[in-house]
C-alpha cells in the first residue's frame, strides 16, 4: 500500500495535504481505507460553504461492502468538492491521493495540524 510522506493522516483513515502556509488543505481517504471498503459506488459530500468542526462528518462513501462516514481531520470551511467523483466514484479506489481527493478546506486552527499523524505513525497504527 501507498502512504506518501508528504501527507498527514488521521486515525479514521483520512489523509490531508496541507498548503505551505497551513491555511488550506485537501482531504481524502487513504489507500488502506479504500481497499478495506472495496469498490466504491457513491460519494456524498457536504456542500461548499459548510463549516465543520474537527471530528464531525463531512460526507460518506458507499461501497459494495458498506457505507462509511467521512470525518473532518481539521476544523474548517469546505471551499471545493471533487465534482468528478459524482460520475466516477471509482477514482477513490484507483487513485485515492490524486484524482480521488474529496474536499478542499480553509483551516480554522493551524494548531490542529499537530494532532495529525505522519506517514510512519499511520503505518505503525495499522500494524
N, C-alpha and C. Protein backbone atom coordinates (compact mmCIF):
# COMPACT_ATOMS: atom_id res chain seq x y z
N UNK A 1 0.83 -1.19 0.00
CA UNK A 1 0.00 0.00 0.00
C UNK A 1 0.87 1.25 0.00
N UNK A 2 0.28 2.32 -0.41
CA UNK A 2 0.99 3.56 -0.61
C UNK A 2 0.53 4.60 0.43
N UNK A 3 1.51 5.18 1.15
CA UNK A 3 1.23 6.24 2.13
C UNK A 3 2.28 7.34 1.96
N UNK A 4 2.00 8.32 1.08
CA UNK A 4 3.00 9.36 0.80
C UNK A 4 3.46 10.11 2.06
N UNK A 5 4.77 10.34 2.14
CA UNK A 5 5.36 11.06 3.28
C UNK A 5 4.95 12.53 3.31
N UNK A 6 4.49 13.06 2.18
CA UNK A 6 4.14 14.48 2.10
C UNK A 6 2.76 14.77 2.68
N UNK A 7 2.02 13.73 3.05
CA UNK A 7 0.67 13.90 3.59
C UNK A 7 0.66 13.67 5.08
N UNK A 8 -0.41 14.12 5.72
CA UNK A 8 -0.68 13.82 7.13
C UNK A 8 -1.91 12.92 7.16
N UNK A 9 -2.11 12.18 8.25
CA UNK A 9 -3.15 11.16 8.32
C UNK A 9 -3.93 11.24 9.64
N UNK A 10 -5.13 10.67 9.62
CA UNK A 10 -5.94 10.58 10.84
C UNK A 10 -6.13 9.12 11.22
N UNK A 11 -6.50 8.90 12.46
CA UNK A 11 -6.79 7.55 12.92
C UNK A 11 -8.05 7.00 12.26
N UNK A 12 -8.86 7.88 11.67
CA UNK A 12 -10.10 7.48 10.99
C UNK A 12 -9.84 7.21 9.50
N UNK A 13 -8.57 7.24 9.07
CA UNK A 13 -8.13 6.88 7.73
C UNK A 13 -8.38 7.93 6.66
N UNK A 14 -8.38 9.21 7.06
CA UNK A 14 -8.37 10.28 6.08
C UNK A 14 -6.93 10.77 5.92
N UNK A 15 -6.63 11.29 4.74
CA UNK A 15 -5.33 11.94 4.52
C UNK A 15 -5.56 13.43 4.31
N UNK A 16 -4.52 14.22 4.57
CA UNK A 16 -4.58 15.67 4.46
C UNK A 16 -3.32 16.17 3.76
N UNK A 17 -3.53 16.96 2.69
CA UNK A 17 -2.41 17.64 2.01
C UNK A 17 -2.54 19.12 2.36
N UNK A 18 -1.62 19.60 3.17
CA UNK A 18 -1.69 20.97 3.68
C UNK A 18 -0.85 21.89 2.81
N UNK A 19 -1.39 23.09 2.54
CA UNK A 19 -0.64 24.08 1.77
C UNK A 19 0.57 24.55 2.57
N UNK A 20 1.51 25.17 1.89
CA UNK A 20 2.75 25.63 2.54
C UNK A 20 2.47 26.60 3.68
N UNK A 21 1.42 27.42 3.56
CA UNK A 21 1.13 28.39 4.62
C UNK A 21 0.23 27.81 5.73
N UNK A 22 -0.22 26.56 5.55
CA UNK A 22 -1.04 25.90 6.58
C UNK A 22 -2.47 26.40 6.66
N UNK A 23 -2.90 27.20 5.69
CA UNK A 23 -4.25 27.78 5.76
C UNK A 23 -5.29 27.00 4.95
N UNK A 24 -4.85 26.20 3.98
CA UNK A 24 -5.78 25.39 3.21
C UNK A 24 -5.30 23.94 3.19
N UNK A 25 -6.24 23.04 2.95
CA UNK A 25 -5.89 21.62 2.92
C UNK A 25 -6.84 20.89 1.99
N UNK A 26 -6.34 19.82 1.40
CA UNK A 26 -7.14 18.91 0.60
C UNK A 26 -7.24 17.62 1.39
N UNK A 27 -8.44 17.01 1.36
CA UNK A 27 -8.72 15.84 2.19
C UNK A 27 -9.26 14.70 1.33
N UNK A 28 -8.87 13.49 1.66
CA UNK A 28 -9.40 12.29 1.02
C UNK A 28 -9.29 11.12 1.97
N UNK A 29 -9.52 9.91 1.46
CA UNK A 29 -9.33 8.72 2.30
C UNK A 29 -8.09 7.97 1.83
N UNK A 30 -7.49 7.24 2.75
CA UNK A 30 -6.23 6.57 2.48
C UNK A 30 -6.40 5.34 1.58
N UNK A 31 -5.28 4.91 1.06
CA UNK A 31 -5.23 3.69 0.26
C UNK A 31 -5.75 2.51 1.09
N UNK A 32 -5.38 2.48 2.37
CA UNK A 32 -5.87 1.41 3.26
C UNK A 32 -7.39 1.45 3.35
N UNK A 33 -7.96 2.63 3.55
CA UNK A 33 -9.42 2.77 3.70
C UNK A 33 -10.15 2.31 2.45
N UNK A 34 -9.68 2.77 1.29
CA UNK A 34 -10.38 2.38 0.07
C UNK A 34 -10.28 0.88 -0.19
N UNK A 35 -9.15 0.27 0.18
CA UNK A 35 -9.02 -1.17 -0.04
C UNK A 35 -9.91 -1.96 0.92
N UNK A 36 -10.06 -1.47 2.14
CA UNK A 36 -10.94 -2.12 3.12
C UNK A 36 -12.41 -2.01 2.71
N UNK A 37 -12.78 -0.87 2.15
CA UNK A 37 -14.17 -0.66 1.73
C UNK A 37 -14.53 -1.48 0.50
N UNK A 38 -13.58 -1.69 -0.39
CA UNK A 38 -13.89 -2.37 -1.65
C UNK A 38 -14.35 -1.36 -2.69
N UNK A 39 -15.03 -1.84 -3.70
CA UNK A 39 -15.44 -0.99 -4.82
C UNK A 39 -16.39 0.10 -4.36
N UNK A 40 -15.96 1.35 -4.49
CA UNK A 40 -16.76 2.50 -4.09
C UNK A 40 -17.73 2.84 -5.21
N UNK A 41 -19.01 2.94 -4.85
CA UNK A 41 -20.05 3.17 -5.84
C UNK A 41 -20.71 4.54 -5.71
N UNK A 42 -20.49 5.24 -4.59
CA UNK A 42 -21.12 6.54 -4.41
C UNK A 42 -20.36 7.32 -3.34
N UNK A 43 -20.17 8.61 -3.59
CA UNK A 43 -19.54 9.51 -2.62
C UNK A 43 -20.49 10.67 -2.39
N UNK A 44 -20.84 10.92 -1.14
CA UNK A 44 -21.71 12.04 -0.78
C UNK A 44 -20.90 12.99 0.10
N UNK A 45 -20.86 14.27 -0.30
CA UNK A 45 -20.07 15.27 0.42
C UNK A 45 -20.94 16.46 0.79
N UNK A 46 -20.62 17.08 1.91
CA UNK A 46 -21.31 18.30 2.31
C UNK A 46 -21.03 19.39 1.27
N UNK A 47 -21.93 20.36 1.13
CA UNK A 47 -21.74 21.40 0.10
C UNK A 47 -20.64 22.41 0.44
N UNK A 48 -20.15 23.05 -0.61
CA UNK A 48 -19.20 24.15 -0.46
C UNK A 48 -19.83 25.20 0.45
N UNK A 49 -19.04 25.74 1.36
CA UNK A 49 -19.51 26.73 2.32
C UNK A 49 -19.85 26.13 3.67
N UNK A 50 -19.92 24.81 3.76
CA UNK A 50 -20.22 24.17 5.05
C UNK A 50 -19.05 24.38 6.01
N UNK A 51 -19.38 24.78 7.23
CA UNK A 51 -18.38 24.95 8.29
C UNK A 51 -18.51 23.73 9.18
N UNK A 52 -17.40 22.98 9.31
CA UNK A 52 -17.45 21.71 10.02
C UNK A 52 -16.29 21.63 11.01
N UNK A 53 -16.59 21.19 12.21
CA UNK A 53 -15.57 21.03 13.24
C UNK A 53 -14.78 19.75 13.07
N UNK A 54 -13.58 19.74 13.62
CA UNK A 54 -12.74 18.55 13.59
C UNK A 54 -13.48 17.38 14.22
N UNK A 55 -13.46 16.24 13.53
CA UNK A 55 -14.09 15.03 14.03
C UNK A 55 -15.55 14.88 13.63
N UNK A 56 -16.13 15.93 13.05
CA UNK A 56 -17.53 15.85 12.60
C UNK A 56 -17.58 15.29 11.18
N UNK A 57 -18.69 14.65 10.80
CA UNK A 57 -18.80 14.09 9.44
C UNK A 57 -18.85 15.19 8.37
N UNK A 58 -18.14 14.94 7.26
CA UNK A 58 -18.23 15.84 6.11
C UNK A 58 -18.80 15.13 4.90
N UNK A 59 -19.21 13.88 5.08
CA UNK A 59 -19.80 13.13 3.99
C UNK A 59 -19.74 11.64 4.28
N UNK A 60 -19.96 10.86 3.22
CA UNK A 60 -19.90 9.40 3.36
C UNK A 60 -19.52 8.78 2.02
N UNK A 61 -19.00 7.57 2.12
CA UNK A 61 -18.71 6.77 0.93
C UNK A 61 -19.51 5.49 1.02
N UNK A 62 -20.11 5.13 -0.10
CA UNK A 62 -20.85 3.88 -0.17
C UNK A 62 -20.07 2.93 -1.06
N UNK A 63 -19.80 1.77 -0.52
CA UNK A 63 -19.08 0.74 -1.26
C UNK A 63 -19.96 -0.50 -1.33
N UNK A 64 -19.52 -1.45 -2.10
CA UNK A 64 -20.26 -2.71 -2.21
C UNK A 64 -20.39 -3.36 -0.84
N UNK A 65 -19.34 -3.24 0.00
CA UNK A 65 -19.32 -3.89 1.31
C UNK A 65 -20.06 -3.11 2.39
N UNK A 66 -19.99 -1.76 2.35
CA UNK A 66 -20.50 -0.97 3.48
C UNK A 66 -20.63 0.51 3.12
N UNK A 67 -21.29 1.23 4.00
CA UNK A 67 -21.32 2.70 3.93
C UNK A 67 -20.48 3.19 5.11
N UNK A 68 -19.62 4.16 4.84
CA UNK A 68 -18.73 4.65 5.88
C UNK A 68 -18.75 6.18 5.90
N UNK A 69 -18.87 6.75 7.11
CA UNK A 69 -18.83 8.20 7.24
C UNK A 69 -17.40 8.70 7.08
N UNK A 70 -17.28 9.93 6.60
CA UNK A 70 -16.00 10.61 6.46
C UNK A 70 -15.93 11.67 7.54
N UNK A 71 -14.80 11.76 8.23
CA UNK A 71 -14.68 12.69 9.36
C UNK A 71 -13.65 13.78 9.07
N UNK A 72 -14.03 15.00 9.40
CA UNK A 72 -13.20 16.17 9.18
C UNK A 72 -11.92 16.06 10.01
N UNK A 73 -10.75 16.08 9.37
CA UNK A 73 -9.49 15.99 10.11
C UNK A 73 -9.10 17.29 10.80
N UNK A 74 -9.63 18.41 10.30
CA UNK A 74 -9.32 19.73 10.83
C UNK A 74 -10.58 20.58 10.78
N UNK A 75 -10.78 21.44 11.73
CA UNK A 75 -11.92 22.36 11.69
C UNK A 75 -11.74 23.32 10.52
N UNK A 76 -12.82 23.55 9.77
CA UNK A 76 -12.69 24.47 8.65
C UNK A 76 -13.95 24.58 7.82
N UNK A 77 -13.82 25.29 6.73
CA UNK A 77 -14.91 25.54 5.80
C UNK A 77 -14.59 24.87 4.47
N UNK A 78 -15.53 24.13 3.93
CA UNK A 78 -15.33 23.49 2.63
C UNK A 78 -15.35 24.57 1.55
N UNK A 79 -14.27 24.65 0.77
CA UNK A 79 -14.17 25.64 -0.30
C UNK A 79 -14.30 25.01 -1.68
N UNK A 80 -14.13 23.69 -1.78
CA UNK A 80 -14.26 22.98 -3.05
C UNK A 80 -14.57 21.53 -2.78
N UNK A 81 -15.28 20.93 -3.72
CA UNK A 81 -15.57 19.49 -3.69
C UNK A 81 -15.07 18.90 -5.00
N UNK A 82 -14.65 17.66 -4.98
CA UNK A 82 -14.23 16.99 -6.20
C UNK A 82 -15.48 16.52 -6.94
N UNK A 83 -16.00 17.39 -7.79
CA UNK A 83 -17.24 17.10 -8.52
C UNK A 83 -17.07 15.90 -9.45
N UNK A 84 -15.85 15.58 -9.84
CA UNK A 84 -15.60 14.44 -10.73
C UNK A 84 -16.04 13.12 -10.09
N UNK A 85 -16.08 13.09 -8.75
CA UNK A 85 -16.49 11.86 -8.07
C UNK A 85 -17.98 11.56 -8.24
N UNK A 86 -18.77 12.61 -8.58
CA UNK A 86 -20.21 12.39 -8.77
C UNK A 86 -20.47 11.33 -9.84
N UNK A 87 -19.74 11.39 -10.94
CA UNK A 87 -19.94 10.42 -12.00
C UNK A 87 -18.93 9.31 -12.02
N UNK A 88 -17.86 9.46 -11.24
CA UNK A 88 -16.77 8.48 -11.24
C UNK A 88 -16.25 8.20 -9.84
N UNK A 89 -17.09 7.67 -8.95
CA UNK A 89 -16.63 7.43 -7.57
C UNK A 89 -15.48 6.43 -7.48
N UNK A 90 -15.32 5.62 -8.51
CA UNK A 90 -14.24 4.62 -8.50
C UNK A 90 -12.86 5.26 -8.53
N UNK A 91 -12.78 6.56 -8.79
CA UNK A 91 -11.49 7.26 -8.73
C UNK A 91 -10.89 7.17 -7.33
N UNK A 92 -11.73 7.06 -6.32
CA UNK A 92 -11.22 6.91 -4.95
C UNK A 92 -10.46 5.60 -4.82
N UNK A 93 -10.92 4.55 -5.51
CA UNK A 93 -10.22 3.27 -5.48
C UNK A 93 -8.94 3.30 -6.31
N UNK A 94 -9.02 3.86 -7.50
CA UNK A 94 -7.88 3.79 -8.42
C UNK A 94 -6.79 4.80 -8.12
N UNK A 95 -7.13 5.94 -7.51
CA UNK A 95 -6.15 7.00 -7.29
C UNK A 95 -6.54 7.82 -6.06
N UNK A 96 -6.50 7.22 -4.86
CA UNK A 96 -7.03 7.91 -3.67
C UNK A 96 -6.33 9.21 -3.31
N UNK A 97 -5.05 9.37 -3.72
CA UNK A 97 -4.30 10.56 -3.30
C UNK A 97 -4.26 11.67 -4.35
N UNK A 98 -4.82 11.42 -5.50
CA UNK A 98 -4.74 12.43 -6.55
C UNK A 98 -6.15 12.68 -7.11
N UNK A 99 -6.57 11.89 -8.08
CA UNK A 99 -7.88 12.09 -8.67
C UNK A 99 -9.02 11.76 -7.72
N UNK A 100 -8.74 11.02 -6.65
CA UNK A 100 -9.76 10.62 -5.69
C UNK A 100 -9.90 11.54 -4.49
N UNK A 101 -9.28 12.73 -4.53
CA UNK A 101 -9.44 13.68 -3.42
C UNK A 101 -10.92 14.00 -3.26
N UNK A 102 -11.30 14.46 -2.08
CA UNK A 102 -12.72 14.69 -1.81
C UNK A 102 -13.08 16.16 -1.61
N UNK A 103 -12.43 16.83 -0.66
CA UNK A 103 -12.76 18.23 -0.39
C UNK A 103 -11.50 19.06 -0.20
N UNK A 104 -11.66 20.35 -0.43
CA UNK A 104 -10.64 21.33 -0.08
C UNK A 104 -11.25 22.21 1.00
N UNK A 105 -10.46 22.56 2.00
CA UNK A 105 -10.97 23.36 3.11
C UNK A 105 -10.03 24.52 3.43
N UNK A 106 -10.60 25.55 4.05
CA UNK A 106 -9.77 26.55 4.72
C UNK A 106 -9.65 26.08 6.16
N UNK A 107 -8.47 26.11 6.68
CA UNK A 107 -8.19 25.60 8.02
C UNK A 107 -8.46 26.70 9.05
N UNK A 108 -9.33 26.41 10.02
CA UNK A 108 -9.65 27.39 11.07
C UNK A 108 -8.54 27.53 12.10
N UNK A 109 -7.94 26.41 12.48
CA UNK A 109 -6.95 26.41 13.56
C UNK A 109 -5.72 25.60 13.14
N UNK A 110 -4.69 26.26 12.60
CA UNK A 110 -3.49 25.53 12.16
C UNK A 110 -2.85 24.68 13.26
N UNK A 111 -3.09 25.00 14.53
CA UNK A 111 -2.53 24.19 15.61
C UNK A 111 -3.07 22.75 15.59
N UNK A 112 -4.25 22.55 15.01
CA UNK A 112 -4.81 21.19 14.91
C UNK A 112 -3.95 20.29 14.03
N UNK A 113 -3.12 20.87 13.17
CA UNK A 113 -2.23 20.07 12.33
C UNK A 113 -1.29 19.21 13.18
N UNK A 114 -0.97 19.69 14.38
CA UNK A 114 -0.07 18.96 15.27
C UNK A 114 -0.65 17.63 15.73
N UNK A 115 -1.98 17.46 15.62
CA UNK A 115 -2.63 16.23 16.07
C UNK A 115 -2.70 15.16 14.97
N UNK A 116 -2.32 15.52 13.75
CA UNK A 116 -2.35 14.56 12.66
C UNK A 116 -1.12 13.67 12.68
N UNK A 117 -1.25 12.50 12.08
CA UNK A 117 -0.17 11.51 12.07
C UNK A 117 0.73 11.68 10.86
N UNK A 118 2.00 11.38 11.03
CA UNK A 118 2.91 11.28 9.89
C UNK A 118 2.64 9.95 9.19
N UNK A 119 3.20 9.77 8.00
CA UNK A 119 3.03 8.50 7.29
C UNK A 119 3.55 7.35 8.15
N UNK A 120 4.71 7.53 8.77
CA UNK A 120 5.29 6.48 9.61
C UNK A 120 4.39 6.12 10.78
N UNK A 121 3.84 7.14 11.43
CA UNK A 121 2.94 6.90 12.57
C UNK A 121 1.66 6.21 12.12
N UNK A 122 1.16 6.59 10.94
CA UNK A 122 -0.07 5.96 10.42
C UNK A 122 0.18 4.48 10.12
N UNK A 123 1.30 4.19 9.48
CA UNK A 123 1.65 2.81 9.16
C UNK A 123 1.79 1.99 10.44
N UNK A 124 2.43 2.57 11.44
CA UNK A 124 2.61 1.90 12.73
C UNK A 124 1.25 1.62 13.37
N UNK A 125 0.31 2.54 13.25
CA UNK A 125 -1.02 2.35 13.81
C UNK A 125 -1.75 1.17 13.13
N UNK A 126 -1.48 0.96 11.84
CA UNK A 126 -2.13 -0.11 11.10
C UNK A 126 -1.60 -1.49 11.49
N UNK A 127 -0.35 -1.53 11.96
CA UNK A 127 0.27 -2.84 12.32
C UNK A 127 -0.36 -3.43 13.56
